[in-house]
Amino acid sequence: MGDSKRRKEALGENYGQQAYILPWLPITKTQAQQFVKWSNRGAWIGISFLIGTWVTIRFIGPSFGWWQVN
């Protein structure tokens, strides 16, 4: 008997279903990986936006006379 057949018999109905991170939390490992991926991407977009805003206010704005930097 092959390993996959033994695993299928041992797991029963749960065979082929993704495992949860915690038994009481209905989030699969794939969903957790997707959340980390998207939150990481969102963080880098926010950091880029912050840097772009800072460069605009600090350097580009005063050259057009928008803000006075003493």
C-alpha atoms as a PDB file:
ATOM      1  CA  MET A   1       0.000   0.000   0.000  1.00  0.00           C
ATOM      2  CA  GLY A   2       1.394   3.382  -0.991  1.00  0.00           C
ATOM      3  CA  ASP A   3       1.976   6.292   1.310  1.00  0.00           C
ATOM      4  CA  SER A   4      -0.775   8.391  -0.258  1.00  0.00           C
ATOM      5  CA  LYS A   5      -3.350   5.648   0.305  1.00  0.00           C
ATOM      6  CA  ARG A   6      -2.315   5.318   3.958  1.00  0.00           C
ATOM      7  CA  ARG A   7      -2.537   9.073   4.385  1.00  0.00           C
ATOM      8  CA  LYS A   8      -5.960   9.111   2.724  1.00  0.00           C
ATOM      9  CA  GLU A   9      -7.232   6.408   5.055  1.00  0.00           C
ATOM     10  CA  ALA A  10      -5.778   8.148   8.115  1.00  0.00           C
ATOM     11  CA  LEU A  11      -7.208  11.574   7.287  1.00  0.00           C
ATOM     12  CA  GLY A  12     -10.586  10.381   6.056  1.00  0.00           C
ATOM     13  CA  GLU A  13     -12.798  13.356   5.131  1.00  0.00           C
ATOM     14  CA  ASN A  14      -9.984  15.857   5.663  1.00  0.00           C
ATOM     15  CA  TYR A  15      -7.857  14.362   2.873  1.00  0.00           C
ATOM     16  CA  GLY A  16      -6.972  16.991   0.275  1.00  0.00           C
ATOM     17  CA  GLN A  17      -8.157  19.926   2.387  1.00  0.00           C
ATOM     18  CA  GLN A  18      -5.762  22.615   3.459  1.00  0.00           C
ATOM     19  CA  ALA A  19      -4.650  22.712   7.066  1.00  0.00           C
ATOM     20  CA  TYR A  20      -5.611  25.585   9.353  1.00  0.00           C
ATOM     21  CA  ILE A  21      -2.981  27.657  11.139  1.00  0.00           C
ATOM     22  CA  LEU A  22      -4.698  27.104  14.467  1.00  0.00           C
ATOM     23  CA  PRO A  23      -7.524  24.631  15.070  1.00  0.00           C
ATOM     24  CA  TRP A  24      -9.881  27.330  16.376  1.00  0.00           C
ATOM     25  CA  LEU A  25      -9.015  29.922  13.686  1.00  0.00           C
ATOM     26  CA  PRO A  26     -10.566  29.240  10.248  1.00  0.00           C
ATOM     27  CA  ILE A  27      -7.645  30.638   8.241  1.00  0.00           C
ATOM     28  CA  THR A  28      -5.657  28.327   5.997  1.00  0.00           C
ATOM     29  CA  LYS A  29      -1.930  28.512   5.463  1.00  0.00           C
ATOM     30  CA  THR A  30      -2.426  29.734   1.902  1.00  0.00           C
ATOM     31  CA  GLN A  31      -4.677  32.571   3.079  1.00  0.00           C
ATOM     32  CA  ALA A  32      -2.079  33.549   5.672  1.00  0.00           C
ATOM     33  CA  GLN A  33       0.640  33.641   3.006  1.00  0.00           C
ATOM     34  CA  GLN A  34      -1.537  35.815   0.772  1.00  0.00           C
ATOM     35  CA  PHE A  35      -2.214  38.196   3.658  1.00  0.00           C
ATOM     36  CA  VAL A  36       1.511  38.554   4.361  1.00  0.00           C
ATOM     37  CA  LYS A  37       2.193  39.105   0.659  1.00  0.00           C
ATOM     38  CA  TRP A  38      -0.429  41.851   0.287  1.00  0.00           C
ATOM     39  CA  SER A  39       0.357  43.581   3.579  1.00  0.00           C
ATOM     40  CA  ASN A  40       4.048  43.617   2.686  1.00  0.00           C
ATOM     41  CA  ARG A  41       3.251  45.125  -0.711  1.00  0.00           C
ATOM     42  CA  GLY A  42       0.969  47.716   0.907  1.00  0.00           C
ATOM     43  CA  ALA A  43       3.672  48.668   3.393  1.00  0.00           C
ATOM     44  CA  TRP A  44       6.186  49.283   0.605  1.00  0.00           C
ATOM     45  CA  ILE A  45       3.642  51.368  -1.314  1.00  0.00           C
ATOM     46  CA  GLY A  46       3.060  53.448   1.833  1.00  0.00           C
ATOM     47  CA  ILE A  47       6.786  53.917   2.395  1.00  0.00           C
ATOM     48  CA  SER A  48       7.232  54.995  -1.245  1.00  0.00           C
ATOM     49  CA  PHE A  49       4.356  57.453  -0.929  1.00  0.00           C
ATOM     50  CA  LEU A  50       5.847  58.873   2.278  1.00  0.00           C
ATOM     51  CA  ILE A  51       9.262  59.356   0.665  1.00  0.00           C
ATOM     52  CA  GLY A  52       7.699  60.937  -2.434  1.00  0.00           C
ATOM     53  CA  THR A  53       5.668  63.332  -0.290  1.00  0.00           C
ATOM     54  CA  TRP A  54       8.719  64.243   1.790  1.00  0.00           C
ATOM     55  CA  VAL A  55      10.827  64.947  -1.333  1.00  0.00           C
ATOM     56  CA  THR A  56       8.043  67.077  -2.777  1.00  0.00           C
ATOM     57  CA  ILE A  57       7.578  69.141   0.368  1.00  0.00           C
ATOM     58  CA  ARG A  58      11.276  69.437   1.231  1.00  0.00           C
ATOM     59  CA  PHE A  59      12.884  70.082  -2.158  1.00  0.00           C
ATOM     60  CA  ILE A  60      10.403  70.628  -4.976  1.00  0.00           C
ATOM     61  CA  GLY A  61       7.920  72.802  -3.079  1.00  0.00           C
ATOM     62  CA  PRO A  62      10.395  75.520  -2.042  1.00  0.00           C
ATOM     63  CA  SER A  63      11.748  75.776  -5.584  1.00  0.00           C
ATOM     64  CA  PHE A  64       8.265  76.823  -6.727  1.00  0.00           C
ATOM     65  CA  GLY A  65       7.781  79.107  -3.737  1.00  0.00           C
ATOM     66  CA  TRP A  66       5.104  76.969  -2.080  1.00  0.00           C
ATOM     67  CA  TRP A  67       6.785  76.860   1.326  1.00  0.00           C
ATOM     68  CA  GLN A  68       9.469  78.945   2.918  1.00  0.00           C
ATOM     69  CA  VAL A  69      12.355  76.879   4.273  1.00  0.00           C
ATOM     70  CA  ASN A  70      14.684  78.922   6.441  1.00  0.00           C
END
